[in-house]
């Protein structure tokens, strides 16, 4: 899939949704949600080669770090996706709360990694 075709397709979809909001507002929100779901599918497809490389790196002995990195990417992507859907629905306050929950999830996920880094530093000193 050519990235430029994908980007221009989504710009076209955004323009169509913009026109819908001006003429038939009740169809704009379902169209925006459908576009978001299609966008998420495209992102998952584009993430596949990255995931393959991360699996290859984890087979070299860094599986714990790669697992944290993969989960972090997933949390960040899903959080952003859900927050944007909430913003499309006009719920900016809920979108902000979703982003805060995502940030807290990333912090809690990275704390064991930080702890192991500090233990390595203490062992060197």
C-alpha atoms as a PDB file:
ATOM      1  CA  UNK A   1       0.000   0.000   0.000  1.00  0.00           C
ATOM      2  CA  UNK A   2       1.473   3.315  -1.063  1.00  0.00           C
ATOM      3  CA  UNK A   3       1.601   5.734   1.860  1.00  0.00           C
ATOM      4  CA  UNK A   4       0.815   8.771  -0.273  1.00  0.00           C
ATOM      5  CA  UNK A   5      -2.337   7.176  -1.671  1.00  0.00           C
ATOM      6  CA  UNK A   6      -3.412   6.333   1.864  1.00  0.00           C
ATOM      7  CA  UNK A   7      -2.790   9.865   3.113  1.00  0.00           C
ATOM      8  CA  UNK A   8      -4.620  11.464   0.196  1.00  0.00           C
ATOM      9  CA  UNK A   9      -7.522   9.045   0.657  1.00  0.00           C
ATOM     10  CA  UNK A  10      -7.888  10.138   4.270  1.00  0.00           C
ATOM     11  CA  UNK A  11      -7.664  13.799   3.288  1.00  0.00           C
ATOM     12  CA  UNK A  12     -10.488  13.112   0.835  1.00  0.00           C
ATOM     13  CA  UNK A  13     -12.485  11.375   3.563  1.00  0.00           C
ATOM     14  CA  UNK A  14     -11.923  14.347   5.863  1.00  0.00           C
ATOM     15  CA  UNK A  15     -13.185  16.696   3.152  1.00  0.00           C
ATOM     16  CA  UNK A  16     -16.281  14.557   2.603  1.00  0.00           C
ATOM     17  CA  UNK A  17     -16.985  14.524   6.348  1.00  0.00           C
ATOM     18  CA  UNK A  18     -16.504  18.296   6.418  1.00  0.00           C
ATOM     19  CA  UNK A  19     -19.104  18.652   3.662  1.00  0.00           C
ATOM     20  CA  UNK A  20     -21.430  16.268   5.498  1.00  0.00           C
ATOM     21  CA  UNK A  21     -21.244  18.422   8.620  1.00  0.00           C
ATOM     22  CA  UNK A  22     -22.450  21.387   6.589  1.00  0.00           C
ATOM     23  CA  UNK A  23     -25.312  19.565   4.866  1.00  0.00           C
ATOM     24  CA  UNK A  24     -26.332  16.398   6.756  1.00  0.00           C
ATOM     25  CA  UNK A  25     -24.832  16.695  10.208  1.00  0.00           C
ATOM     26  CA  UNK A  26     -26.423  13.465  11.497  1.00  0.00           C
ATOM     27  CA  UNK A  27     -24.359  11.411   9.015  1.00  0.00           C
ATOM     28  CA  UNK A  28     -21.044  13.102   9.783  1.00  0.00           C
ATOM     29  CA  UNK A  29     -20.370  11.438  13.134  1.00  0.00           C
ATOM     30  CA  UNK A  30     -20.943   7.831  11.963  1.00  0.00           C
ATOM     31  CA  UNK A  31     -18.815   8.571   8.897  1.00  0.00           C
ATOM     32  CA  UNK A  32     -16.033   9.967  11.100  1.00  0.00           C
ATOM     33  CA  UNK A  33     -16.141   6.902  13.346  1.00  0.00           C
ATOM     34  CA  UNK A  34     -16.080   4.590  10.323  1.00  0.00           C
ATOM     35  CA  UNK A  35     -13.087   6.509   8.947  1.00  0.00           C
ATOM     36  CA  UNK A  36     -11.352   6.165  12.319  1.00  0.00           C
ATOM     37  CA  UNK A  37     -11.886   2.404  12.314  1.00  0.00           C
ATOM     38  CA  UNK A  38     -10.503   2.142   8.767  1.00  0.00           C
ATOM     39  CA  UNK A  39      -7.570   4.337   9.818  1.00  0.00           C
ATOM     40  CA  UNK A  40      -6.885   2.026  12.765  1.00  0.00           C
ATOM     41  CA  UNK A  41      -6.836  -0.944  10.387  1.00  0.00           C
ATOM     42  CA  UNK A  42      -4.317   0.846   8.177  1.00  0.00           C
ATOM     43  CA  UNK A  43      -2.139   1.636  11.193  1.00  0.00           C
ATOM     44  CA  UNK A  44      -2.197  -2.009  12.291  1.00  0.00           C
ATOM     45  CA  UNK A  45      -1.168  -3.040   8.767  1.00  0.00           C
ATOM     46  CA  UNK A  46       1.684  -0.529   8.766  1.00  0.00           C
ATOM     47  CA  UNK A  47       2.770  -1.655  12.247  1.00  0.00           C
ATOM     48  CA  UNK A  48       3.274  -5.275  11.152  1.00  0.00           C
ATOM     49  CA  UNK A  49       6.852  -4.807   9.797  1.00  0.00           C
ATOM     50  CA  UNK A  50       7.795  -2.906  12.956  1.00  0.00           C
ATOM     51  CA  UNK A  51       6.410  -5.734  15.078  1.00  0.00           C
ATOM     52  CA  UNK A  52       8.416  -8.277  13.069  1.00  0.00           C
ATOM     53  CA  UNK A  53      11.633  -6.344  13.707  1.00  0.00           C
ATOM     54  CA  UNK A  54      10.813  -6.089  17.412  1.00  0.00           C
ATOM     55  CA  UNK A  55      10.316  -9.867  17.553  1.00  0.00           C
ATOM     56  CA  UNK A  56      13.660 -10.317  15.831  1.00  0.00           C
ATOM     57  CA  UNK A  57      15.334  -8.042  18.386  1.00  0.00           C
ATOM     58  CA  UNK A  58      13.676  -9.889  21.258  1.00  0.00           C
ATOM     59  CA  UNK A  59      15.108 -13.169  19.973  1.00  0.00           C
ATOM     60  CA  UNK A  60      18.579 -11.645  20.408  1.00  0.00           C
ATOM     61  CA  UNK A  61      18.117 -11.490  24.184  1.00  0.00           C
ATOM     62  CA  UNK A  62      16.329  -8.213  24.903  1.00  0.00           C
ATOM     63  CA  UNK A  63      12.850  -9.709  25.207  1.00  0.00           C
ATOM     64  CA  UNK A  64      11.884  -7.841  28.404  1.00  0.00           C
ATOM     65  CA  UNK A  65      12.712  -4.431  26.996  1.00  0.00           C
ATOM     66  CA  UNK A  66      11.094  -5.175  23.648  1.00  0.00           C
ATOM     67  CA  UNK A  67       7.954  -6.358  25.426  1.00  0.00           C
ATOM     68  CA  UNK A  68       7.751  -3.091  27.356  1.00  0.00           C
ATOM     69  CA  UNK A  69       8.347  -1.116  24.178  1.00  0.00           C
ATOM     70  CA  UNK A  70       5.701  -3.036  22.234  1.00  0.00           C
ATOM     71  CA  UNK A  71       3.131  -2.618  24.983  1.00  0.00           C
ATOM     72  CA  UNK A  72       3.994   1.079  25.255  1.00  0.00           C
ATOM     73  CA  UNK A  73       3.433   1.578  21.539  1.00  0.00           C
ATOM     74  CA  UNK A  74       0.111  -0.243  21.755  1.00  0.00           C
ATOM     75  CA  UNK A  75      -1.058   1.806  24.746  1.00  0.00           C
ATOM     76  CA  UNK A  76      -0.041   5.070  23.090  1.00  0.00           C
ATOM     77  CA  UNK A  77      -1.735   4.174  19.807  1.00  0.00           C
ATOM     78  CA  UNK A  78      -4.987   2.943  21.308  1.00  0.00           C
ATOM     79  CA  UNK A  79      -5.140   5.885  23.714  1.00  0.00           C
ATOM     80  CA  UNK A  80      -4.666   8.372  20.904  1.00  0.00           C
ATOM     81  CA  UNK A  81      -7.214   6.579  18.719  1.00  0.00           C
ATOM     82  CA  UNK A  82      -9.890   6.570  21.433  1.00  0.00           C
ATOM     83  CA  UNK A  83      -9.197  10.182  22.409  1.00  0.00           C
ATOM     84  CA  UNK A  84      -9.576  11.317  18.806  1.00  0.00           C
ATOM     85  CA  UNK A  85     -12.897   9.495  18.510  1.00  0.00           C
ATOM     86  CA  UNK A  86     -14.085  11.275  21.655  1.00  0.00           C
ATOM     87  CA  UNK A  87     -12.968  14.615  20.211  1.00  0.00           C
ATOM     88  CA  UNK A  88     -14.864  13.849  16.999  1.00  0.00           C
ATOM     89  CA  UNK A  89     -17.944  13.247  19.124  1.00  0.00           C
ATOM     90  CA  UNK A  90     -17.465  16.635  20.784  1.00  0.00           C
ATOM     91  CA  UNK A  91     -16.311  15.207  24.107  1.00  0.00           C
ATOM     92  CA  UNK A  92     -12.962  16.947  24.572  1.00  0.00           C
ATOM     93  CA  UNK A  93     -13.053  16.548  28.358  1.00  0.00           C
ATOM     94  CA  UNK A  94     -13.417  12.761  28.097  1.00  0.00           C
ATOM     95  CA  UNK A  95     -10.623  12.712  25.501  1.00  0.00           C
ATOM     96  CA  UNK A  96      -8.353  14.514  27.962  1.00  0.00           C
ATOM     97  CA  UNK A  97      -9.179  11.990  30.663  1.00  0.00           C
ATOM     98  CA  UNK A  98      -8.455   9.100  28.300  1.00  0.00           C
ATOM     99  CA  UNK A  99      -5.071  10.635  27.499  1.00  0.00           C
ATOM    100  CA  UNK A 100      -4.335  11.024  31.213  1.00  0.00           C
ATOM    101  CA  UNK A 101      -5.193   7.362  31.820  1.00  0.00           C
ATOM    102  CA  UNK A 102      -2.906   6.394  28.918  1.00  0.00           C
ATOM    103  CA  UNK A 103      -0.042   8.434  30.362  1.00  0.00           C
ATOM    104  CA  UNK A 104      -0.491   6.820  33.764  1.00  0.00           C
ATOM    105  CA  UNK A 105      -0.530   3.376  32.130  1.00  0.00           C
ATOM    106  CA  UNK A 106       2.731   4.178  30.331  1.00  0.00           C
ATOM    107  CA  UNK A 107       4.342   5.366  33.562  1.00  0.00           C
ATOM    108  CA  UNK A 108       3.270   2.241  35.453  1.00  0.00           C
ATOM    109  CA  UNK A 109       4.525   0.066  32.604  1.00  0.00           C
ATOM    110  CA  UNK A 110       7.925   1.761  32.523  1.00  0.00           C
ATOM    111  CA  UNK A 111       8.601   1.777  36.292  1.00  0.00           C
ATOM    112  CA  UNK A 112      10.054  -1.771  36.413  1.00  0.00           C
ATOM    113  CA  UNK A 113      12.357  -0.848  33.537  1.00  0.00           C
ATOM    114  CA  UNK A 114      13.479   2.275  35.397  1.00  0.00           C
ATOM    115  CA  UNK A 115      14.062   0.187  38.514  1.00  0.00           C
ATOM    116  CA  UNK A 116      16.295  -2.250  36.599  1.00  0.00           C
ATOM    117  CA  UNK A 117      18.272   0.643  35.095  1.00  0.00           C
ATOM    118  CA  UNK A 118      18.843   2.108  38.556  1.00  0.00           C
ATOM    119  CA  UNK A 119      19.977  -1.305  39.853  1.00  0.00           C
ATOM    120  CA  UNK A 120      22.484  -1.545  36.992  1.00  0.00           C
ATOM    121  CA  UNK A 121      23.791   1.944  37.802  1.00  0.00           C
ATOM    122  CA  UNK A 122      24.127   1.039  41.498  1.00  0.00           C
ATOM    123  CA  UNK A 123      26.067  -2.077  40.524  1.00  0.00           C
ATOM    124  CA  UNK A 124      28.530   0.023  38.549  1.00  0.00           C
ATOM    125  CA  UNK A 125      29.155   2.498  41.354  1.00  0.00           C
END
